[in-house]
Amino acid sequence: MHKNKIFILLLLLFLSLFTGVYGQKATTKNLPKFDHRFMHFGFLLGINSANFYVQRHPPTTANTGADSLYVLDPKSSTGFNLGIISSMHLGRYFSLRFTPNLAFSSRNLVYTFETYEGPKKYTKTIESTLINFPLVIKYKSVRVNNFSAYILAGGSYSLDLASNAGHENFSTNPKDIIVAIKRDDYLAEIGFGTDFYLEYFKFGIELKMSYGIRDLLDHDDTQFSSPIDKINSKMFLLSLTFEG
């Protein structure tokens, strides 16, 4: 959560600085015909903060024994994204953007069990290599000199190449048991950003939030999956975009 706040504060800082600089005086417009083209392309570099939203089963007599789960705490980790941008202009203010990207991310589930010997803690790290296919509508503000702001919303399909769904969890050692995650995910996305029209290309700073719709947990009835009702993905992505 602390990292997510840093991402938002950085973007707000850029917004305030560049809005002041570009809004104070008239300047020569770079790329004056950029927004009149039907299509344009580019690439993005991003830093992500990935995590899970976990819903637990309510405690029952069956799972409140000596080895019952006391705390389950999801922890975010930082990764990075590489992608390409294709944008189709739908009018003066709207465009349709398809930005397939490769994301490397990691998330942790920290379990604390109450046992006869006292609390025992286990951390399960889930590493993912994701191919994302986001399709969003972008609505931009009126261009002021070489600056504009925008918001976007849409959806995405995500394919986890490192998915371990179907893995046989037969080990009796809790440290060897994994938390299996399904391969396919569907996400809703919303974000905002700023565009700066430079001499040869358009540079952007964008913050996007993605929230998974599908339950990703492979319910294989281990001591780490049984207490969980469902797991949904969520990710914050801070991107630098370069479009020509």
C-alpha atoms as a PDB file:
ATOM      1  CA  MET A   1       0.000   0.000   0.000  1.00  0.00           C
ATOM      2  CA  HIS A   2       2.903   2.333   0.750  1.00  0.00           C
ATOM      3  CA  LYS A   3       4.338   1.762  -2.738  1.00  0.00           C
ATOM      4  CA  ASN A   4       0.979   2.520  -4.346  1.00  0.00           C
ATOM      5  CA  LYS A   5       0.837   5.867  -2.535  1.00  0.00           C
ATOM      6  CA  ILE A   6       4.319   6.703  -3.819  1.00  0.00           C
ATOM      7  CA  PHE A   7       3.214   6.009  -7.391  1.00  0.00           C
ATOM      8  CA  ILE A   8       0.201   8.315  -7.034  1.00  0.00           C
ATOM      9  CA  LEU A   9       2.216  11.091  -5.385  1.00  0.00           C
ATOM     10  CA  LEU A  10       4.852  10.974  -8.140  1.00  0.00           C
ATOM     11  CA  LEU A  11       2.241  11.293 -10.863  1.00  0.00           C
ATOM     12  CA  LEU A  12       0.481  14.159  -9.076  1.00  0.00           C
ATOM     13  CA  LEU A  13       3.826  15.919  -8.733  1.00  0.00           C
ATOM     14  CA  PHE A  14       4.467  15.650 -12.457  1.00  0.00           C
ATOM     15  CA  LEU A  15       0.950  16.866 -13.184  1.00  0.00           C
ATOM     16  CA  SER A  16       1.310  19.959 -11.021  1.00  0.00           C
ATOM     17  CA  LEU A  17       4.783  20.837 -12.325  1.00  0.00           C
ATOM     18  CA  PHE A  18       4.083  20.446 -16.018  1.00  0.00           C
ATOM     19  CA  THR A  19       0.609  21.975 -15.882  1.00  0.00           C
ATOM     20  CA  GLY A  20       2.188  25.132 -14.462  1.00  0.00           C
ATOM     21  CA  VAL A  21       5.020  25.196 -16.991  1.00  0.00           C
ATOM     22  CA  TYR A  22       2.912  24.544 -20.079  1.00  0.00           C
ATOM     23  CA  GLY A  23      -0.070  26.591 -19.035  1.00  0.00           C
ATOM     24  CA  GLN A  24       1.686  29.871 -18.303  1.00  0.00           C
ATOM     25  CA  LYS A  25       2.738  31.024 -21.782  1.00  0.00           C
ATOM     26  CA  ALA A  26       2.175  30.215 -25.417  1.00  0.00           C
ATOM     27  CA  THR A  27       4.873  28.139 -27.095  1.00  0.00           C
ATOM     28  CA  THR A  28       5.506  26.717 -30.547  1.00  0.00           C
ATOM     29  CA  LYS A  29       3.438  23.573 -30.959  1.00  0.00           C
ATOM     30  CA  ASN A  30       5.381  20.387 -31.498  1.00  0.00           C
ATOM     31  CA  LEU A  31       3.824  17.656 -33.667  1.00  0.00           C
ATOM     32  CA  PRO A  32       0.834  19.866 -34.641  1.00  0.00           C
ATOM     33  CA  LYS A  33      -0.770  17.132 -36.799  1.00  0.00           C
ATOM     34  CA  PHE A  34      -0.179  14.263 -34.375  1.00  0.00           C
ATOM     35  CA  ASP A  35      -3.796  13.973 -33.212  1.00  0.00           C
ATOM     36  CA  HIS A  36      -5.167  14.172 -36.748  1.00  0.00           C
ATOM     37  CA  ARG A  37      -3.603  10.863 -37.768  1.00  0.00           C
ATOM     38  CA  PHE A  38      -5.906   7.839 -37.757  1.00  0.00           C
ATOM     39  CA  MET A  39      -3.355   5.503 -36.175  1.00  0.00           C
ATOM     40  CA  HIS A  40      -0.080   5.805 -34.329  1.00  0.00           C
ATOM     41  CA  PHE A  41       2.209   3.423 -32.483  1.00  0.00           C
ATOM     42  CA  GLY A  42       4.771   3.370 -29.703  1.00  0.00           C
ATOM     43  CA  PHE A  43       6.051   1.457 -26.709  1.00  0.00           C
ATOM     44  CA  LEU A  44       5.865   1.599 -22.912  1.00  0.00           C
ATOM     45  CA  LEU A  45       8.140   0.903 -19.971  1.00  0.00           C
ATOM     46  CA  GLY A  46       6.514   0.436 -16.584  1.00  0.00           C
ATOM     47  CA  ILE A  47       6.961  -0.413 -12.933  1.00  0.00           C
ATOM     48  CA  ASN A  48       4.179  -2.461 -11.362  1.00  0.00           C
ATOM     49  CA  SER A  49       3.050  -3.161  -7.831  1.00  0.00           C
ATOM     50  CA  ALA A  50       1.151  -6.466  -7.847  1.00  0.00           C
ATOM     51  CA  ASN A  51      -0.949  -7.944  -5.065  1.00  0.00           C
ATOM     52  CA  PHE A  52      -3.963 -10.119  -4.287  1.00  0.00           C
ATOM     53  CA  TYR A  53      -7.357  -9.352  -2.817  1.00  0.00           C
ATOM     54  CA  VAL A  54      -8.127 -12.365  -0.601  1.00  0.00           C
ATOM     55  CA  GLN A  55     -11.506 -13.412   0.787  1.00  0.00           C
ATOM     56  CA  ARG A  56     -11.402 -16.051   3.523  1.00  0.00           C
ATOM     57  CA  HIS A  57     -14.012 -18.606   4.462  1.00  0.00           C
ATOM     58  CA  PRO A  58     -15.706 -17.668   7.751  1.00  0.00           C
ATOM     59  CA  PRO A  59     -14.294 -19.638  10.709  1.00  0.00           C
ATOM     60  CA  THR A  60     -16.225 -22.812  11.559  1.00  0.00           C
ATOM     61  CA  THR A  61     -15.848 -25.580  14.114  1.00  0.00           C
ATOM     62  CA  ALA A  62     -14.008 -27.585  11.497  1.00  0.00           C
ATOM     63  CA  ASN A  63     -11.201 -25.068  11.066  1.00  0.00           C
ATOM     64  CA  THR A  64     -10.810 -23.584  14.548  1.00  0.00           C
ATOM     65  CA  GLY A  65      -8.689 -26.382  15.981  1.00  0.00           C
ATOM     66  CA  ALA A  66      -5.121 -26.394  17.184  1.00  0.00           C
ATOM     67  CA  ASP A  67      -3.708 -25.839  13.683  1.00  0.00           C
ATOM     68  CA  SER A  68      -6.176 -23.183  12.532  1.00  0.00           C
ATOM     69  CA  LEU A  69      -5.280 -20.183  10.399  1.00  0.00           C
ATOM     70  CA  TYR A  70      -5.013 -17.066  12.511  1.00  0.00           C
ATOM     71  CA  VAL A  71      -3.857 -14.415   9.995  1.00  0.00           C
ATOM     72  CA  LEU A  72      -3.583 -14.364   6.192  1.00  0.00           C
ATOM     73  CA  ASP A  73      -1.854 -11.234   4.926  1.00  0.00           C
ATOM     74  CA  PRO A  74      -1.222 -10.590   1.205  1.00  0.00           C
ATOM     75  CA  LYS A  75       1.927  -8.564   0.486  1.00  0.00           C
ATOM     76  CA  SER A  76       2.696  -6.672  -2.714  1.00  0.00           C
ATOM     77  CA  SER A  77       5.982  -6.732  -4.607  1.00  0.00           C
ATOM     78  CA  THR A  78       7.442  -4.609  -7.383  1.00  0.00           C
ATOM     79  CA  GLY A  79       7.987  -5.779 -10.964  1.00  0.00           C
ATOM     80  CA  PHE A  80       8.225  -4.273 -14.419  1.00  0.00           C
ATOM     81  CA  ASN A  81       6.355  -4.183 -17.743  1.00  0.00           C
ATOM     82  CA  LEU A  82       7.432  -3.904 -21.375  1.00  0.00           C
ATOM     83  CA  GLY A  83       4.841  -3.343 -24.075  1.00  0.00           C
ATOM     84  CA  ILE A  84       3.805  -1.853 -27.377  1.00  0.00           C
ATOM     85  CA  ILE A  85       1.132   0.749 -28.044  1.00  0.00           C
ATOM     86  CA  SER A  86      -1.311   1.011 -30.917  1.00  0.00           C
ATOM     87  CA  SER A  87      -3.823   3.843 -30.800  1.00  0.00           C
ATOM     88  CA  MET A  88      -6.747   4.527 -33.123  1.00  0.00           C
ATOM     89  CA  HIS A  89      -8.270   8.022 -33.050  1.00  0.00           C
ATOM     90  CA  LEU A  90     -12.061   8.044 -32.768  1.00  0.00           C
ATOM     91  CA  GLY A  91     -12.464  11.809 -32.692  1.00  0.00           C
ATOM     92  CA  ARG A  92     -10.950  14.938 -31.258  1.00  0.00           C
ATOM     93  CA  TYR A  93     -10.985  13.692 -27.671  1.00  0.00           C
ATOM     94  CA  PHE A  94     -11.388   9.910 -27.853  1.00  0.00           C
ATOM     95  CA  SER A  95      -9.092   7.100 -28.949  1.00  0.00           C
ATOM     96  CA  LEU A  96      -9.096   3.298 -28.724  1.00  0.00           C
ATOM     97  CA  ARG A  97      -5.848   1.904 -27.335  1.00  0.00           C
ATOM     98  CA  PHE A  98      -4.508  -1.644 -27.499  1.00  0.00           C
ATOM     99  CA  THR A  99      -1.353  -2.047 -25.409  1.00  0.00           C
ATOM    100  CA  PRO A 100      -0.195  -5.696 -25.201  1.00  0.00           C
ATOM    101  CA  ASN A 101       2.618  -6.028 -22.694  1.00  0.00           C
ATOM    102  CA  LEU A 102       4.810  -8.507 -20.877  1.00  0.00           C
ATOM    103  CA  ALA A 103       4.811  -8.168 -17.085  1.00  0.00           C
ATOM    104  CA  PHE A 104       7.075  -9.753 -14.495  1.00  0.00           C
ATOM    105  CA  SER A 105       5.492  -9.690 -11.059  1.00  0.00           C
ATOM    106  CA  SER A 106       5.635 -11.354  -7.670  1.00  0.00           C
ATOM    107  CA  ARG A 107       3.133 -11.556  -4.804  1.00  0.00           C
ATOM    108  CA  ASN A 108       3.358 -12.995  -1.294  1.00  0.00           C
ATOM    109  CA  LEU A 109       0.781 -14.626   0.958  1.00  0.00           C
ATOM    110  CA  VAL A 110       1.861 -14.600   4.611  1.00  0.00           C
ATOM    111  CA  TYR A 111       0.105 -17.229   6.765  1.00  0.00           C
ATOM    112  CA  THR A 112       0.138 -17.366  10.550  1.00  0.00           C
ATOM    113  CA  PHE A 113      -1.238 -20.591  12.061  1.00  0.00           C
ATOM    114  CA  GLU A 114      -2.085 -21.181  15.705  1.00  0.00           C
ATOM    115  CA  THR A 115      -0.615 -24.515  16.810  1.00  0.00           C
ATOM    116  CA  TYR A 116       0.011 -26.336  20.100  1.00  0.00           C
ATOM    117  CA  GLU A 117       3.609 -25.116  19.881  1.00  0.00           C
ATOM    118  CA  GLY A 118       2.552 -21.509  19.358  1.00  0.00           C
ATOM    119  CA  PRO A 119       2.168 -19.374  16.209  1.00  0.00           C
ATOM    120  CA  LYS A 120       3.858 -20.606  13.041  1.00  0.00           C
ATOM    121  CA  LYS A 121       4.373 -18.350  10.049  1.00  0.00           C
ATOM    122  CA  TYR A 122       4.759 -19.374   6.399  1.00  0.00           C
ATOM    123  CA  THR A 123       5.326 -17.102   3.400  1.00  0.00           C
ATOM    124  CA  LYS A 124       4.188 -18.361   0.008  1.00  0.00           C
ATOM    125  CA  THR A 125       5.702 -16.434  -2.897  1.00  0.00           C
ATOM    126  CA  ILE A 126       3.799 -16.521  -6.186  1.00  0.00           C
ATOM    127  CA  GLU A 127       5.841 -15.380  -9.163  1.00  0.00           C
ATOM    128  CA  SER A 128       4.102 -14.616 -12.439  1.00  0.00           C
ATOM    129  CA  THR A 129       5.134 -13.906 -16.016  1.00  0.00           C
ATOM    130  CA  LEU A 130       2.074 -12.283 -17.534  1.00  0.00           C
ATOM    131  CA  ILE A 131       1.130 -11.516 -21.106  1.00  0.00           C
ATOM    132  CA  ASN A 132      -1.537  -8.794 -20.873  1.00  0.00           C
ATOM    133  CA  PHE A 133      -3.911  -7.690 -23.625  1.00  0.00           C
ATOM    134  CA  PRO A 134      -5.540  -4.419 -22.473  1.00  0.00           C
ATOM    135  CA  LEU A 135      -8.113  -2.648 -24.637  1.00  0.00           C
ATOM    136  CA  VAL A 136      -9.169   0.759 -23.287  1.00  0.00           C
ATOM    137  CA  ILE A 137     -10.932   3.962 -24.307  1.00  0.00           C
ATOM    138  CA  LYS A 138      -8.851   7.092 -23.745  1.00  0.00           C
ATOM    139  CA  TYR A 139     -10.464  10.496 -23.246  1.00  0.00           C
ATOM    140  CA  LYS A 140      -8.048  13.415 -23.397  1.00  0.00           C
ATOM    141  CA  SER A 141      -8.397  17.057 -22.481  1.00  0.00           C
ATOM    142  CA  VAL A 142      -7.966  19.998 -24.820  1.00  0.00           C
ATOM    143  CA  ARG A 143      -4.320  20.342 -25.741  1.00  0.00           C
ATOM    144  CA  VAL A 144      -2.665  23.354 -24.090  1.00  0.00           C
ATOM    145  CA  ASN A 145       0.527  24.232 -25.961  1.00  0.00           C
ATOM    146  CA  ASN A 146       2.438  20.916 -25.790  1.00  0.00           C
ATOM    147  CA  PHE A 147       0.544  19.363 -22.892  1.00  0.00           C
ATOM    148  CA  SER A 148      -2.694  17.422 -22.357  1.00  0.00           C
ATOM    149  CA  ALA A 149      -4.142  15.202 -19.616  1.00  0.00           C
ATOM    150  CA  TYR A 150      -6.330  12.153 -20.013  1.00  0.00           C
ATOM    151  CA  ILE A 151      -8.323   9.404 -18.328  1.00  0.00           C
ATOM    152  CA  LEU A 152      -8.893   5.873 -19.580  1.00  0.00           C
ATOM    153  CA  ALA A 153     -11.067   2.862 -18.824  1.00  0.00           C
ATOM    154  CA  GLY A 154     -11.486  -0.596 -20.258  1.00  0.00           C
ATOM    155  CA  GLY A 155     -10.662  -4.237 -19.735  1.00  0.00           C
ATOM    156  CA  SER A 156      -7.878  -6.749 -20.188  1.00  0.00           C
ATOM    157  CA  TYR A 157      -7.215 -10.452 -20.650  1.00  0.00           C
ATOM    158  CA  SER A 158      -4.130 -11.777 -18.859  1.00  0.00           C
ATOM    159  CA  LEU A 159      -2.267 -15.037 -19.448  1.00  0.00           C
ATOM    160  CA  ASP A 160       0.110 -16.253 -16.719  1.00  0.00           C
ATOM    161  CA  LEU A 161       2.933 -18.263 -18.312  1.00  0.00           C
ATOM    162  CA  ALA A 162       4.164 -19.306 -14.850  1.00  0.00           C
ATOM    163  CA  SER A 163       0.784 -20.682 -13.716  1.00  0.00           C
ATOM    164  CA  ASN A 164       1.069 -23.730 -11.473  1.00  0.00           C
ATOM    165  CA  ALA A 165      -2.589 -24.794 -11.561  1.00  0.00           C
ATOM    166  CA  GLY A 166      -2.946 -28.571 -11.364  1.00  0.00           C
ATOM    167  CA  HIS A 167       0.332 -29.017  -9.496  1.00  0.00           C
ATOM    168  CA  GLU A 168       0.245 -32.101  -7.262  1.00  0.00           C
ATOM    169  CA  ASN A 169       0.570 -30.917  -3.670  1.00  0.00           C
ATOM    170  CA  PHE A 170       1.234 -34.256  -1.954  1.00  0.00           C
ATOM    171  CA  SER A 171       4.104 -33.153   0.284  1.00  0.00           C
ATOM    172  CA  THR A 172       3.711 -33.523   4.045  1.00  0.00           C
ATOM    173  CA  ASN A 173       6.137 -30.662   4.635  1.00  0.00           C
ATOM    174  CA  PRO A 174       4.214 -27.353   4.725  1.00  0.00           C
ATOM    175  CA  LYS A 175       7.247 -25.524   3.296  1.00  0.00           C
ATOM    176  CA  ASP A 176       7.011 -27.588   0.088  1.00  0.00           C
ATOM    177  CA  ILE A 177       3.292 -26.981  -0.490  1.00  0.00           C
ATOM    178  CA  ILE A 178       2.559 -24.295  -3.061  1.00  0.00           C
ATOM    179  CA  VAL A 179      -0.453 -22.033  -3.557  1.00  0.00           C
ATOM    180  CA  ALA A 180      -1.575 -22.824  -7.091  1.00  0.00           C
ATOM    181  CA  ILE A 181      -2.890 -19.992  -9.281  1.00  0.00           C
ATOM    182  CA  LYS A 182      -4.914 -20.370 -12.489  1.00  0.00           C
ATOM    183  CA  ARG A 183      -3.535 -19.308 -15.858  1.00  0.00           C
ATOM    184  CA  ASP A 184      -6.279 -17.032 -17.222  1.00  0.00           C
ATOM    185  CA  ASP A 185      -7.564 -13.805 -15.730  1.00  0.00           C
ATOM    186  CA  TYR A 186      -9.957 -11.031 -16.771  1.00  0.00           C
ATOM    187  CA  LEU A 187      -9.499  -7.524 -15.410  1.00  0.00           C
ATOM    188  CA  ALA A 188     -11.221  -4.153 -15.300  1.00  0.00           C
ATOM    189  CA  GLU A 189      -8.873  -1.196 -15.765  1.00  0.00           C
ATOM    190  CA  ILE A 190      -9.010   2.510 -15.011  1.00  0.00           C
ATOM    191  CA  GLY A 191      -6.271   5.124 -15.083  1.00  0.00           C
ATOM    192  CA  PHE A 192      -5.117   8.637 -15.857  1.00  0.00           C
ATOM    193  CA  GLY A 193      -2.031  10.346 -17.182  1.00  0.00           C
ATOM    194  CA  THR A 194      -0.392  13.230 -18.998  1.00  0.00           C
ATOM    195  CA  ASP A 195       0.999  13.625 -22.517  1.00  0.00           C
ATOM    196  CA  PHE A 196       3.868  15.941 -23.498  1.00  0.00           C
ATOM    197  CA  TYR A 197       4.369  16.718 -27.187  1.00  0.00           C
ATOM    198  CA  LEU A 198       8.101  16.833 -27.779  1.00  0.00           C
ATOM    199  CA  GLU A 199       9.885  17.700 -30.999  1.00  0.00           C
ATOM    200  CA  TYR A 200      10.015  14.174 -32.447  1.00  0.00           C
ATOM    201  CA  PHE A 201       7.633  12.072 -30.345  1.00  0.00           C
ATOM    202  CA  LYS A 202       4.939  12.226 -27.669  1.00  0.00           C
ATOM    203  CA  PHE A 203       6.019  11.323 -24.139  1.00  0.00           C
ATOM    204  CA  GLY A 204       3.500  10.266 -21.496  1.00  0.00           C
ATOM    205  CA  ILE A 205       3.299   9.403 -17.800  1.00  0.00           C
ATOM    206  CA  GLU A 206       0.444   7.103 -16.846  1.00  0.00           C
ATOM    207  CA  LEU A 207      -0.895   5.471 -13.685  1.00  0.00           C
ATOM    208  CA  LYS A 208      -3.290   2.579 -14.226  1.00  0.00           C
ATOM    209  CA  MET A 209      -5.141   0.348 -11.760  1.00  0.00           C
ATOM    210  CA  SER A 210      -6.219  -3.188 -12.761  1.00  0.00           C
ATOM    211  CA  TYR A 211      -8.628  -5.351 -10.755  1.00  0.00           C
ATOM    212  CA  GLY A 212      -9.182  -9.039 -11.508  1.00  0.00           C
ATOM    213  CA  ILE A 213     -12.708 -10.370 -11.913  1.00  0.00           C
ATOM    214  CA  ARG A 214     -11.978 -14.106 -11.862  1.00  0.00           C
ATOM    215  CA  ASP A 215     -11.178 -16.250  -8.811  1.00  0.00           C
ATOM    216  CA  LEU A 216      -7.555 -17.283  -9.459  1.00  0.00           C
ATOM    217  CA  LEU A 217      -7.140 -19.857  -6.707  1.00  0.00           C
ATOM    218  CA  ASP A 218      -6.786 -23.504  -7.689  1.00  0.00           C
ATOM    219  CA  HIS A 219      -8.830 -25.039  -4.844  1.00  0.00           C
ATOM    220  CA  ASP A 220      -6.773 -28.176  -4.168  1.00  0.00           C
ATOM    221  CA  ASP A 221      -7.738 -28.528  -0.472  1.00  0.00           C
ATOM    222  CA  THR A 222      -4.300 -28.034   1.064  1.00  0.00           C
ATOM    223  CA  GLN A 223      -3.904 -26.287   4.409  1.00  0.00           C
ATOM    224  CA  PHE A 224      -3.004 -23.113   2.501  1.00  0.00           C
ATOM    225  CA  SER A 225      -5.878 -23.117   0.003  1.00  0.00           C
ATOM    226  CA  SER A 226      -8.727 -24.529   2.146  1.00  0.00           C
ATOM    227  CA  PRO A 227      -9.214 -21.401   4.308  1.00  0.00           C
ATOM    228  CA  ILE A 228      -9.550 -19.189   1.190  1.00  0.00           C
ATOM    229  CA  ASP A 229     -12.875 -18.531  -0.497  1.00  0.00           C
ATOM    230  CA  LYS A 230     -11.430 -16.659  -3.478  1.00  0.00           C
ATOM    231  CA  ILE A 231      -8.387 -14.716  -4.657  1.00  0.00           C
ATOM    232  CA  ASN A 232      -8.509 -11.820  -7.106  1.00  0.00           C
ATOM    233  CA  SER A 233      -5.553 -10.060  -8.647  1.00  0.00           C
ATOM    234  CA  LYS A 234      -4.861  -6.353  -8.515  1.00  0.00           C
ATOM    235  CA  MET A 235      -2.049  -4.297  -9.942  1.00  0.00           C
ATOM    236  CA  PHE A 236      -0.910  -0.685 -10.025  1.00  0.00           C
ATOM    237  CA  LEU A 237       1.187   0.206 -13.068  1.00  0.00           C
ATOM    238  CA  LEU A 238       3.214   3.391 -13.484  1.00  0.00           C
ATOM    239  CA  SER A 239       4.254   3.682 -17.143  1.00  0.00           C
ATOM    240  CA  LEU A 240       6.375   5.896 -19.337  1.00  0.00           C
ATOM    241  CA  THR A 241       4.994   5.925 -22.877  1.00  0.00           C
ATOM    242  CA  PHE A 242       6.725   6.912 -26.115  1.00  0.00           C
ATOM    243  CA  GLU A 243       4.546   7.380 -29.205  1.00  0.00           C
ATOM    244  CA  GLY A 244       5.496   8.487 -32.705  1.00  0.00           C
END
